[in-house]
């Protein structure tokens, strides 16, 4: 037969194509599994980012509250540390408040 060699080449090429198709289908299945896994990872990471943002907001609020308390304390400490100017009582200067002089302390 004069076409025997051509038929063998055709059969070989068809077999190679079918093997390539099988390999491509296997790759497709692996890639689809990867996509599913990556989508799950993405969802998990998005939830983690959301949780971390909420935690950051909470920490920010707590730190702001602490800073407010510290500022109040600093202001009150400054007021307490400010010396009271001496007052004049009956023509003389006294470091005592007027109430202490009137009561007799």
C-alpha atoms as a PDB file:
ATOM      1  CA  UNK A   1       0.000   0.000   0.000  1.00  0.00           C
ATOM      2  CA  UNK A   2       1.324   3.333  -0.930  1.00  0.00           C
ATOM      3  CA  UNK A   3      -0.632   5.227   1.753  1.00  0.00           C
ATOM      4  CA  UNK A   4       0.491   3.012   4.650  1.00  0.00           C
ATOM      5  CA  UNK A   5       3.246   5.376   5.741  1.00  0.00           C
ATOM      6  CA  UNK A   6       0.926   8.408   5.546  1.00  0.00           C
ATOM      7  CA  UNK A   7      -1.709   6.595   7.636  1.00  0.00           C
ATOM      8  CA  UNK A   8       0.882   5.715  10.291  1.00  0.00           C
ATOM      9  CA  UNK A   9       1.941   9.379  10.466  1.00  0.00           C
ATOM     10  CA  UNK A  10      -1.704  10.435  10.750  1.00  0.00           C
ATOM     11  CA  UNK A  11      -2.353   7.896  13.500  1.00  0.00           C
ATOM     12  CA  UNK A  12       0.752   9.085  15.354  1.00  0.00           C
ATOM     13  CA  UNK A  13      -0.295  12.715  15.046  1.00  0.00           C
ATOM     14  CA  UNK A  14      -3.856  11.960  16.214  1.00  0.00           C
ATOM     15  CA  UNK A  15      -2.466  10.040  19.216  1.00  0.00           C
ATOM     16  CA  UNK A  16      -0.149  12.948  20.083  1.00  0.00           C
ATOM     17  CA  UNK A  17      -3.039  15.420  19.830  1.00  0.00           C
ATOM     18  CA  UNK A  18      -5.260  13.259  22.040  1.00  0.00           C
ATOM     19  CA  UNK A  19      -2.462  12.984  24.621  1.00  0.00           C
ATOM     20  CA  UNK A  20      -1.988  16.746  24.484  1.00  0.00           C
ATOM     21  CA  UNK A  21      -5.735  17.218  24.933  1.00  0.00           C
ATOM     22  CA  UNK A  22      -5.738  14.879  27.948  1.00  0.00           C
ATOM     23  CA  UNK A  23      -2.808  16.801  29.424  1.00  0.00           C
ATOM     24  CA  UNK A  24      -4.547  20.140  28.798  1.00  0.00           C
ATOM     25  CA  UNK A  25      -7.744  18.863  30.440  1.00  0.00           C
ATOM     26  CA  UNK A  26      -5.702  17.709  33.465  1.00  0.00           C
ATOM     27  CA  UNK A  27      -4.086  21.144  33.650  1.00  0.00           C
ATOM     28  CA  UNK A  28      -7.526  22.761  33.422  1.00  0.00           C
ATOM     29  CA  UNK A  29      -8.799  20.697  36.371  1.00  0.00           C
ATOM     30  CA  UNK A  30      -5.723  21.624  38.437  1.00  0.00           C
ATOM     31  CA  UNK A  31      -6.144  25.290  37.559  1.00  0.00           C
ATOM     32  CA  UNK A  32      -9.825  25.220  38.485  1.00  0.00           C
ATOM     33  CA  UNK A  33      -8.918  23.701  41.863  1.00  0.00           C
ATOM     34  CA  UNK A  34      -6.303  26.451  42.293  1.00  0.00           C
ATOM     35  CA  UNK A  35      -8.922  29.105  41.505  1.00  0.00           C
ATOM     36  CA  UNK A  36     -11.296  27.669  44.125  1.00  0.00           C
ATOM     37  CA  UNK A  37      -8.496  27.541  46.707  1.00  0.00           C
ATOM     38  CA  UNK A  38      -7.380  31.091  45.887  1.00  0.00           C
ATOM     39  CA  UNK A  39     -10.950  32.384  46.158  1.00  0.00           C
ATOM     40  CA  UNK A  40     -11.218  30.787  49.606  1.00  0.00           C
ATOM     41  CA  UNK A  41      -7.878  32.331  50.590  1.00  0.00           C
ATOM     42  CA  UNK A  42      -9.061  35.701  49.296  1.00  0.00           C
ATOM     43  CA  UNK A  43     -12.259  35.486  51.334  1.00  0.00           C
ATOM     44  CA  UNK A  44     -10.304  34.528  54.436  1.00  0.00           C
ATOM     45  CA  UNK A  45      -7.841  37.382  53.929  1.00  0.00           C
ATOM     46  CA  UNK A  46     -10.659  39.886  53.355  1.00  0.00           C
ATOM     47  CA  UNK A  47     -12.246  38.783  56.655  1.00  0.00           C
ATOM     48  CA  UNK A  48      -8.872  39.121  58.380  1.00  0.00           C
ATOM     49  CA  UNK A  49      -8.396  42.633  56.949  1.00  0.00           C
ATOM     50  CA  UNK A  50     -11.888  43.587  58.127  1.00  0.00           C
ATOM     51  CA  UNK A  51     -11.176  42.233  61.615  1.00  0.00           C
ATOM     52  CA  UNK A  52      -7.819  44.042  61.765  1.00  0.00           C
ATOM     53  CA  UNK A  53      -9.410  47.328  60.652  1.00  0.00           C
ATOM     54  CA  UNK A  54     -12.006  47.006  63.423  1.00  0.00           C
ATOM     55  CA  UNK A  55      -9.241  46.202  65.915  1.00  0.00           C
ATOM     56  CA  UNK A  56      -7.241  49.212  64.717  1.00  0.00           C
ATOM     57  CA  UNK A  57     -10.290  51.447  65.124  1.00  0.00           C
ATOM     58  CA  UNK A  58     -10.863  50.144  68.642  1.00  0.00           C
ATOM     59  CA  UNK A  59      -7.213  50.642  69.590  1.00  0.00           C
ATOM     60  CA  UNK A  60      -7.276  54.152  68.126  1.00  0.00           C
ATOM     61  CA  UNK A  61     -10.331  55.026  70.207  1.00  0.00           C
ATOM     62  CA  UNK A  62      -8.747  53.616  73.372  1.00  0.00           C
ATOM     63  CA  UNK A  63      -5.462  55.465  72.779  1.00  0.00           C
ATOM     64  CA  UNK A  64      -7.362  58.686  72.089  1.00  0.00           C
ATOM     65  CA  UNK A  65      -9.217  58.194  75.366  1.00  0.00           C
ATOM     66  CA  UNK A  66      -5.955  57.632  77.224  1.00  0.00           C
ATOM     67  CA  UNK A  67      -4.443  60.739  75.647  1.00  0.00           C
ATOM     68  CA  UNK A  68      -7.489  62.718  76.749  1.00  0.00           C
ATOM     69  CA  UNK A  69      -7.100  61.457  80.312  1.00  0.00           C
ATOM     70  CA  UNK A  70      -3.384  62.339  80.273  1.00  0.00           C
ATOM     71  CA  UNK A  71      -4.130  65.831  78.946  1.00  0.00           C
ATOM     72  CA  UNK A  72      -6.710  66.387  81.717  1.00  0.00           C
ATOM     73  CA  UNK A  73      -4.219  65.182  84.295  1.00  0.00           C
ATOM     74  CA  UNK A  74      -1.505  67.470  82.916  1.00  0.00           C
ATOM     75  CA  UNK A  75      -3.854  70.458  83.069  1.00  0.00           C
ATOM     76  CA  UNK A  76      -4.902  69.684  86.627  1.00  0.00           C
ATOM     77  CA  UNK A  77      -1.269  69.132  87.664  1.00  0.00           C
ATOM     78  CA  UNK A  78      -0.340  72.458  86.104  1.00  0.00           C
ATOM     79  CA  UNK A  79      -3.120  74.237  87.997  1.00  0.00           C
ATOM     80  CA  UNK A  80      -2.070  72.607  91.289  1.00  0.00           C
ATOM     81  CA  UNK A  81       1.586  73.496  90.702  1.00  0.00           C
ATOM     82  CA  UNK A  82       0.857  77.151  89.980  1.00  0.00           C
ATOM     83  CA  UNK A  83       1.726  79.152  93.123  1.00  0.00           C
ATOM     84  CA  UNK A  84      -1.021  81.223  94.660  1.00  0.00           C
ATOM     85  CA  UNK A  85       0.007  84.893  94.769  1.00  0.00           C
ATOM     86  CA  UNK A  86       0.173  86.379  98.265  1.00  0.00           C
ATOM     87  CA  UNK A  87      -2.829  88.468  99.244  1.00  0.00           C
ATOM     88  CA  UNK A  88      -2.916  91.676 101.216  1.00  0.00           C
ATOM     89  CA  UNK A  89      -4.780  91.372 104.428  1.00  0.00           C
ATOM     90  CA  UNK A  90      -5.121  94.374 106.648  1.00  0.00           C
ATOM     91  CA  UNK A  91      -2.231  96.151 104.986  1.00  0.00           C
ATOM     92  CA  UNK A  92       0.248  93.317 105.175  1.00  0.00           C
ATOM     93  CA  UNK A  93       1.051  90.633 102.676  1.00  0.00           C
ATOM     94  CA  UNK A  94       0.155  87.108 103.571  1.00  0.00           C
ATOM     95  CA  UNK A  95       0.747  83.829 101.755  1.00  0.00           C
ATOM     96  CA  UNK A  96      -2.358  82.484 103.435  1.00  0.00           C
ATOM     97  CA  UNK A  97      -5.684  82.612 101.658  1.00  0.00           C
ATOM     98  CA  UNK A  98      -8.158  85.167 102.944  1.00  0.00           C
ATOM     99  CA  UNK A  99     -10.430  82.477 104.386  1.00  0.00           C
ATOM    100  CA  UNK A 100      -7.611  81.216 106.625  1.00  0.00           C
ATOM    101  CA  UNK A 101      -6.956  84.700 107.974  1.00  0.00           C
ATOM    102  CA  UNK A 102     -10.614  85.381 108.676  1.00  0.00           C
ATOM    103  CA  UNK A 103     -11.134  82.097 110.448  1.00  0.00           C
ATOM    104  CA  UNK A 104      -8.031  82.535 112.504  1.00  0.00           C
ATOM    105  CA  UNK A 105      -5.767  79.858 111.134  1.00  0.00           C
END
